[in-house]
Each structure stands twice: as C-alpha cells, then as structure tokens.
N, C-alpha and C. Protein backbone atom coordinates (compact mmCIF):
# COMPACT_ATOMS: atom_id res chain seq x y z
N MET A 1 -3.49 12.10 -4.10
CA MET A 1 -3.66 11.66 -5.45
C MET A 1 -5.38 11.55 -5.86
N ILE A 2 -5.66 12.29 -6.82
CA ILE A 2 -7.12 12.19 -7.03
C ILE A 2 -7.38 11.52 -8.25
N ALA A 3 -8.45 10.79 -8.81
CA ALA A 3 -8.83 10.08 -9.88
C ALA A 3 -10.26 10.30 -10.22
N VAL A 4 -10.74 10.12 -11.55
CA VAL A 4 -11.77 9.90 -12.08
C VAL A 4 -12.33 8.56 -12.59
N VAL A 5 -12.85 7.66 -11.86
CA VAL A 5 -13.24 6.35 -12.29
C VAL A 5 -14.65 5.94 -12.43
N GLN A 6 -14.98 5.31 -13.49
CA GLN A 6 -16.28 4.86 -13.66
C GLN A 6 -16.51 3.52 -13.00
N ILE A 7 -17.46 3.47 -12.23
CA ILE A 7 -18.01 2.44 -11.23
C ILE A 7 -19.29 2.53 -11.28
N GLY A 8 -20.16 1.32 -11.88
CA GLY A 8 -21.45 1.30 -11.99
C GLY A 8 -22.15 2.12 -12.91
N GLY A 9 -21.45 2.43 -13.86
CA GLY A 9 -22.14 3.29 -14.86
C GLY A 9 -21.98 4.95 -14.55
N GLU A 10 -21.30 5.18 -13.34
CA GLU A 10 -21.18 6.53 -12.87
C GLU A 10 -19.90 6.91 -12.92
N GLN A 11 -19.46 8.30 -12.95
CA GLN A 11 -18.12 8.61 -13.22
C GLN A 11 -18.10 9.44 -11.64
N LEU A 12 -17.21 8.91 -10.87
CA LEU A 12 -16.75 9.34 -9.43
C LEU A 12 -15.41 9.88 -9.35
N ARG A 13 -15.30 11.25 -8.62
CA ARG A 13 -14.23 11.76 -8.34
C ARG A 13 -13.68 11.04 -7.22
N VAL A 14 -12.56 10.47 -6.83
CA VAL A 14 -12.24 9.65 -5.75
C VAL A 14 -10.76 9.83 -5.23
N GLU A 15 -10.71 9.91 -3.88
CA GLU A 15 -9.50 9.96 -3.24
C GLU A 15 -9.37 8.95 -2.32
N LYS A 16 -7.87 8.35 -1.87
CA LYS A 16 -7.70 7.47 -1.01
C LYS A 16 -8.34 7.76 0.10
N GLY A 17 -8.96 6.31 0.94
CA GLY A 17 -9.58 6.88 1.96
C GLY A 17 -10.95 7.33 2.14
N LYS A 18 -11.58 7.88 1.12
CA LYS A 18 -12.75 8.46 1.06
C LYS A 18 -13.80 7.18 0.80
N ILE A 19 -15.06 7.47 1.37
CA ILE A 19 -16.25 6.28 1.35
C ILE A 19 -17.26 6.75 0.33
N PHE A 20 -17.97 5.99 -0.41
CA PHE A 20 -18.61 6.44 -1.53
C PHE A 20 -19.88 5.32 -1.47
N THR A 21 -20.96 5.93 -1.76
CA THR A 21 -22.32 4.88 -2.07
C THR A 21 -22.38 4.69 -3.73
N VAL A 22 -22.52 3.63 -4.10
CA VAL A 22 -22.91 3.64 -5.51
C VAL A 22 -23.91 2.66 -5.79
N ASN A 23 -24.25 2.29 -7.02
CA ASN A 23 -25.25 1.26 -7.12
C ASN A 23 -24.85 -0.13 -6.86
N ARG A 24 -25.78 -0.88 -6.53
CA ARG A 24 -25.17 -2.29 -6.11
C ARG A 24 -24.28 -3.02 -7.05
N LEU A 25 -22.97 -3.45 -6.51
CA LEU A 25 -22.23 -4.27 -7.11
C LEU A 25 -22.04 -5.66 -6.72
N ASP A 26 -21.90 -6.65 -7.54
CA ASP A 26 -21.96 -7.95 -7.26
C ASP A 26 -20.72 -8.40 -6.77
N ILE A 27 -20.27 -8.00 -5.37
CA ILE A 27 -19.06 -8.61 -4.76
C ILE A 27 -19.77 -8.80 -3.05
N GLU A 28 -19.12 -9.56 -2.55
CA GLU A 28 -19.54 -9.70 -1.21
C GLU A 28 -19.04 -8.85 -0.34
N SER A 29 -19.65 -8.53 1.07
CA SER A 29 -19.16 -7.61 1.77
C SER A 29 -17.90 -7.95 2.59
N GLY A 30 -17.10 -7.03 2.50
CA GLY A 30 -15.67 -7.29 3.06
C GLY A 30 -14.44 -7.74 1.84
N LYS A 31 -14.91 -7.79 0.64
CA LYS A 31 -14.23 -8.38 -0.47
C LYS A 31 -13.67 -7.15 -0.89
N LYS A 32 -12.36 -7.26 -1.58
CA LYS A 32 -11.59 -6.19 -2.32
C LYS A 32 -11.77 -6.36 -3.78
N MET A 33 -11.46 -5.08 -4.44
CA MET A 33 -11.67 -5.32 -6.06
C MET A 33 -10.92 -4.11 -6.46
N SER A 34 -10.52 -4.22 -7.96
CA SER A 34 -9.87 -3.25 -8.44
C SER A 34 -10.64 -2.88 -9.86
N PHE A 35 -10.86 -1.62 -9.90
CA PHE A 35 -11.16 -1.17 -11.17
C PHE A 35 -10.30 -0.50 -12.31
N THR A 36 -10.35 -0.87 -13.33
CA THR A 36 -9.39 -0.11 -14.59
C THR A 36 -9.68 0.67 -15.39
N ASP A 37 -11.12 1.16 -15.26
CA ASP A 37 -11.78 2.16 -16.07
C ASP A 37 -11.42 3.56 -15.21
N VAL A 38 -10.26 4.02 -15.26
CA VAL A 38 -9.78 5.31 -14.53
C VAL A 38 -9.80 6.00 -15.82
N LEU A 39 -10.39 7.40 -15.58
CA LEU A 39 -10.47 8.41 -16.83
C LEU A 39 -9.27 9.42 -16.98
N LEU A 40 -9.15 9.67 -15.48
CA LEU A 40 -8.41 10.74 -15.31
C LEU A 40 -7.64 10.66 -13.96
N ILE A 41 -6.05 11.13 -13.65
CA ILE A 41 -5.34 10.87 -12.56
C ILE A 41 -4.94 12.33 -12.43
N GLU A 42 -4.78 13.11 -11.08
CA GLU A 42 -4.22 14.05 -10.67
C GLU A 42 -3.41 13.70 -9.65
N ASN A 43 -1.92 14.17 -9.87
CA ASN A 43 -0.93 13.64 -8.89
C ASN A 43 0.00 14.77 -8.78
N LYS A 44 0.24 15.38 -7.65
CA LYS A 44 1.04 16.43 -7.20
C LYS A 44 1.11 17.64 -8.51
N GLY A 45 -0.26 17.96 -8.85
CA GLY A 45 -0.32 19.04 -9.65
C GLY A 45 -0.22 18.67 -11.45
N SER A 46 0.19 17.43 -11.46
CA SER A 46 0.29 17.11 -12.82
C SER A 46 -1.09 16.03 -13.32
N ILE A 47 -1.56 16.52 -14.32
CA ILE A 47 -2.78 15.75 -14.67
C ILE A 47 -2.84 14.79 -15.87
N GLN A 48 -3.03 13.49 -15.76
CA GLN A 48 -3.08 12.52 -16.92
C GLN A 48 -4.57 12.27 -17.30
N LEU A 49 -4.65 12.61 -18.54
CA LEU A 49 -5.96 12.20 -19.05
C LEU A 49 -5.92 11.10 -19.87
N GLY A 50 -7.06 10.01 -19.81
CA GLY A 50 -7.17 9.06 -20.48
C GLY A 50 -7.72 9.21 -22.12
N GLN A 51 -7.81 8.20 -23.11
CA GLN A 51 -8.09 8.34 -24.32
C GLN A 51 -9.15 6.98 -24.77
N PRO A 52 -10.01 6.56 -24.05
CA PRO A 52 -10.86 7.24 -22.86
C PRO A 52 -10.35 6.90 -21.64
N THR A 53 -9.42 5.78 -21.55
CA THR A 53 -8.92 5.37 -20.20
C THR A 53 -7.67 5.49 -20.00
N ILE A 54 -6.87 5.58 -19.07
CA ILE A 54 -5.61 5.47 -18.78
C ILE A 54 -5.05 3.88 -18.70
N GLU A 55 -4.15 3.53 -19.46
CA GLU A 55 -3.67 2.09 -19.28
C GLU A 55 -2.78 2.16 -18.10
N LYS A 56 -2.68 0.90 -17.41
CA LYS A 56 -2.05 0.59 -16.24
C LYS A 56 -2.37 1.40 -15.09
N ALA A 57 -3.57 1.86 -15.10
CA ALA A 57 -3.88 2.69 -13.80
C ALA A 57 -5.04 1.90 -13.13
N LYS A 58 -5.14 1.90 -11.84
CA LYS A 58 -6.27 1.24 -11.05
C LYS A 58 -6.65 1.73 -10.00
N VAL A 59 -7.64 1.51 -9.41
CA VAL A 59 -8.40 2.16 -8.04
C VAL A 59 -8.85 0.92 -7.50
N SER A 60 -8.19 0.66 -6.02
CA SER A 60 -8.57 -0.51 -5.46
C SER A 60 -9.64 -0.04 -4.49
N ILE A 61 -10.46 -1.09 -4.15
CA ILE A 61 -11.69 -0.48 -3.16
C ILE A 61 -11.95 -1.71 -2.55
N SER A 62 -12.51 -1.61 -1.35
CA SER A 62 -13.13 -2.76 -0.40
C SER A 62 -14.64 -2.19 -0.28
N VAL A 63 -15.12 -3.51 -0.32
CA VAL A 63 -17.05 -3.31 0.03
C VAL A 63 -17.36 -3.15 1.35
N LEU A 64 -17.77 -2.24 1.83
CA LEU A 64 -18.08 -2.31 3.31
C LEU A 64 -19.55 -2.65 3.86
N GLU A 65 -20.37 -2.31 3.08
CA GLU A 65 -21.98 -2.93 3.08
C GLU A 65 -22.76 -2.95 2.09
N HIS A 66 -23.86 -3.67 2.13
CA HIS A 66 -24.94 -3.51 1.11
C HIS A 66 -25.98 -3.18 1.76
N PHE A 67 -26.93 -2.12 1.20
CA PHE A 67 -28.13 -1.65 1.93
C PHE A 67 -28.91 -1.29 0.82
N LYS A 68 -30.13 -0.75 1.72
CA LYS A 68 -31.44 0.06 0.52
C LYS A 68 -31.36 1.41 0.81
N GLY A 69 -31.53 2.00 -0.11
CA GLY A 69 -31.56 3.59 0.17
C GLY A 69 -33.13 4.16 0.60
N GLU A 70 -33.14 5.21 0.71
CA GLU A 70 -34.40 5.77 0.95
C GLU A 70 -35.43 5.50 0.15
N LYS A 71 -36.72 5.44 0.38
CA LYS A 71 -37.76 5.38 -0.25
C LYS A 71 -38.05 6.54 -1.19
N VAL A 72 -38.28 5.92 -2.37
CA VAL A 72 -38.72 7.20 -3.46
C VAL A 72 -40.04 6.79 -3.90
N ILE A 73 -40.87 7.97 -3.63
CA ILE A 73 -42.14 7.95 -3.92
C ILE A 73 -42.86 8.29 -5.39
N VAL A 74 -43.40 7.50 -6.19
CA VAL A 74 -43.85 7.86 -7.33
C VAL A 74 -45.32 8.09 -7.36
N PHE A 75 -45.67 9.30 -7.64
CA PHE A 75 -47.09 9.63 -7.60
C PHE A 75 -47.59 10.33 -8.97
N LYS A 76 -48.56 9.45 -9.64
CA LYS A 76 -49.17 10.09 -10.83
C LYS A 76 -50.69 10.38 -10.73
N LYS A 77 -50.91 11.23 -11.43
CA LYS A 77 -52.43 11.96 -11.29
C LYS A 77 -52.68 12.65 -12.41
N LYS A 78 -54.23 12.42 -12.81
CA LYS A 78 -54.59 13.14 -14.13
C LYS A 78 -55.65 13.88 -13.57
N ARG A 79 -55.51 15.15 -13.54
CA ARG A 79 -56.68 16.18 -13.05
C ARG A 79 -57.83 15.93 -13.44
N ARG A 80 -58.98 16.17 -12.81
CA ARG A 80 -60.27 16.31 -13.34
C ARG A 80 -60.89 14.70 -13.79
N LYS A 81 -59.96 13.82 -13.46
CA LYS A 81 -60.41 12.21 -13.93
C LYS A 81 -60.76 11.51 -12.91
N GLY A 82 -60.11 11.77 -11.87
CA GLY A 82 -60.37 10.71 -10.62
C GLY A 82 -59.11 9.74 -10.73
N TYR A 83 -58.01 10.18 -11.55
CA TYR A 83 -56.86 9.05 -11.50
C TYR A 83 -55.89 9.46 -10.84
N LYS A 84 -55.49 8.76 -9.64
CA LYS A 84 -54.28 8.85 -8.75
C LYS A 84 -53.77 7.33 -8.61
N VAL A 85 -52.23 7.50 -8.64
CA VAL A 85 -51.65 6.15 -8.44
C VAL A 85 -50.23 6.63 -7.80
N LYS A 86 -50.31 5.76 -6.53
CA LYS A 86 -49.04 6.22 -5.71
C LYS A 86 -48.21 4.74 -5.71
N ASN A 87 -46.95 4.75 -6.34
CA ASN A 87 -46.00 3.42 -6.08
C ASN A 87 -44.70 4.22 -5.55
N GLY A 88 -43.90 3.38 -5.19
CA GLY A 88 -42.54 3.63 -4.52
C GLY A 88 -41.65 2.52 -4.58
N HIS A 89 -40.20 2.96 -4.58
CA HIS A 89 -39.17 1.73 -4.60
C HIS A 89 -38.27 2.07 -3.71
N ARG A 90 -37.21 1.43 -3.29
CA ARG A 90 -36.00 1.51 -2.42
C ARG A 90 -34.84 1.15 -3.22
N GLN A 91 -34.04 1.80 -3.70
CA GLN A 91 -32.94 1.57 -4.63
C GLN A 91 -31.76 0.52 -3.92
N TYR A 92 -31.19 -0.58 -4.49
CA TYR A 92 -30.49 -1.23 -3.74
C TYR A 92 -29.03 -0.64 -3.96
N LEU A 93 -28.07 -0.50 -2.77
CA LEU A 93 -26.90 0.38 -2.88
C LEU A 93 -25.74 -0.35 -2.13
N THR A 94 -24.51 0.03 -2.51
CA THR A 94 -23.36 -0.64 -1.90
C THR A 94 -22.41 0.60 -1.41
N LYS A 95 -21.96 0.18 -0.26
CA LYS A 95 -21.11 1.41 0.38
C LYS A 95 -19.65 0.88 0.19
N ILE A 96 -18.74 1.68 -0.62
CA ILE A 96 -17.49 1.14 -0.84
C ILE A 96 -16.51 2.33 -0.10
N LYS A 97 -15.04 1.55 0.18
CA LYS A 97 -13.86 2.64 0.57
C LYS A 97 -12.86 2.50 -0.51
N ILE A 98 -12.34 3.60 -0.83
CA ILE A 98 -11.11 3.79 -1.76
C ILE A 98 -10.01 3.22 -1.00
N ASP A 99 -9.37 2.15 -1.52
CA ASP A 99 -8.07 1.71 -0.39
C ASP A 99 -6.71 2.47 -1.31
N ASP A 100 -6.75 2.13 -2.50
CA ASP A 100 -5.54 2.69 -3.14
C ASP A 100 -5.80 3.24 -4.73
N ILE A 101 -5.16 4.25 -5.02
CA ILE A 101 -5.00 4.65 -6.48
C ILE A 101 -3.54 4.63 -6.91
N SER A 102 -3.47 3.68 -7.92
CA SER A 102 -2.16 3.45 -8.43
C SER A 102 -1.88 3.50 -10.02
N LEU A 103 -0.88 4.05 -10.17
CA LEU A 103 -0.46 4.21 -11.71
C LEU A 103 0.97 3.55 -11.74
N GLU A 104 1.21 2.60 -12.68
CA GLU A 104 2.39 2.02 -13.08
C GLU A 104 2.91 2.77 -14.16
N SER A 105 3.98 3.30 -14.07
CA SER A 105 4.76 4.40 -14.96
C SER A 105 6.06 3.34 -15.49
N LYS A 106 6.34 2.25 -15.18
CA LYS A 106 7.54 1.52 -15.69
C LYS A 106 7.31 1.23 -17.20
N LYS A 107 8.35 1.59 -17.85
CA LYS A 107 8.51 1.66 -19.20
C LYS A 107 9.13 0.20 -19.60
N THR A 108 8.44 -0.57 -20.38
CA THR A 108 9.30 -1.76 -20.48
C THR A 108 10.02 -1.68 -21.97
N THR A 109 11.06 -1.04 -22.04
CA THR A 109 11.81 -0.97 -23.26
C THR A 109 12.99 -1.94 -23.09
N THR A 110 13.70 -2.64 -23.99
CA THR A 110 14.74 -3.58 -24.06
C THR A 110 15.74 -2.78 -24.67
N LYS A 111 16.91 -2.58 -23.82
CA LYS A 111 18.23 -2.01 -24.47
C LYS A 111 19.05 -3.00 -25.15
N LYS A 112 19.35 -2.73 -26.71
CA LYS A 112 20.42 -3.47 -27.23
C LYS A 112 21.92 -3.31 -26.77
N SER A 113 22.37 -4.69 -26.58
CA SER A 113 23.81 -4.32 -26.01
C SER A 113 24.69 -3.72 -26.84
N SER A 114 26.08 -3.39 -26.62
CA SER A 114 26.83 -2.81 -27.74
C SER A 114 27.22 -3.95 -28.76
N THR A 115 27.35 -5.01 -28.36
CA THR A 115 27.69 -6.05 -29.09
C THR A 115 26.73 -6.35 -30.34
N GLU A 116 25.59 -6.39 -29.57
CA GLU A 116 24.42 -6.77 -30.85
C GLU A 116 24.22 -5.43 -31.84
N LYS A 117 24.59 -4.10 -31.44
CA LYS A 117 24.62 -3.07 -32.40
C LYS A 117 25.59 -3.24 -33.15
N THR A 118 26.90 -3.69 -32.88
CA THR A 118 27.96 -3.81 -33.69
C THR A 118 27.71 -5.12 -34.72
N LYS A 119 27.00 -5.93 -34.31
CA LYS A 119 26.93 -7.17 -35.12
C LYS A 119 25.98 -6.79 -36.38
N GLU A 120 24.64 -5.92 -35.83
CA GLU A 120 23.89 -5.21 -36.95
C GLU A 120 24.55 -4.37 -37.79
N SER A 121 25.24 -3.59 -37.51
CA SER A 121 26.00 -2.62 -38.41
C SER A 121 26.95 -3.38 -39.38
N LYS A 122 27.70 -4.41 -38.76
CA LYS A 122 28.36 -5.18 -39.90
C LYS A 122 27.47 -6.00 -40.72
N ALA A 123 26.27 -6.50 -40.47
CA ALA A 123 25.63 -7.19 -41.43
C ALA A 123 24.94 -6.52 -42.44
N LYS A 124 24.92 -5.00 -42.18
CA LYS A 124 24.52 -4.08 -43.18
C LYS A 124 25.48 -4.11 -44.33
C-alpha cells in the first residue's frame, strides 16, 4: 500500500516500513503519532484520490530521532565593490518511520427492520 501524505508542509510518497527525513516535528523521540492529511492511497492497483484529503484514512509514524542537517553556506558578493558576506545555517530535522497506512472502509448505515417499514407504509 502506497500513500501520499502531507507532513510538515511537504507531500511525501510513503510506504509501510520506510524511513524518511522531514522538518522538525514537535514530538519526542520514540513517540508515535498519526497523520490524517492523506491525499492519495494506492492499494493493490486501485487508486483513491482525496478531495483534498481522504476521510477515515491515516498514516501512523514513529519518531526515531531529532538531528541537525548538513551545513548550508550562504555567500553574498557584489563585484567590484569589496562586499562579501559569508553566513550559514543547519536545518533541524526529524527522522521518522512509517508504521502503518490504514483506510477504514466501514460504511455506517442503519437498516430498517421489516416491521418499521410496514409501520411507515401504513402511516402514509
């Protein structure tokens, strides 16, 4: 089962058991969480597309660790002016593992009994 889910402002194509790196999430390491912003689910060849999200669909994750990414260097220069500025930063990231992708397809319909149907038809 494959799903497209929105996590931390990014849309990710996820599968069960895969590990992803996303922007820092406000969850402690080792904790579990589920996301309901599922945009698409592909299950055994059938594709279900949300409008914008699929109701009753969720992706369960567990947070493996928080870390800082590689250093990004920002270098600014204006030629012939003697202007040079070198800055940099390291992005805060979270490593997550996809535990489960679930889609509840249970329809909650109430069936009227035959006695209730006959009472309604007699009342008319």
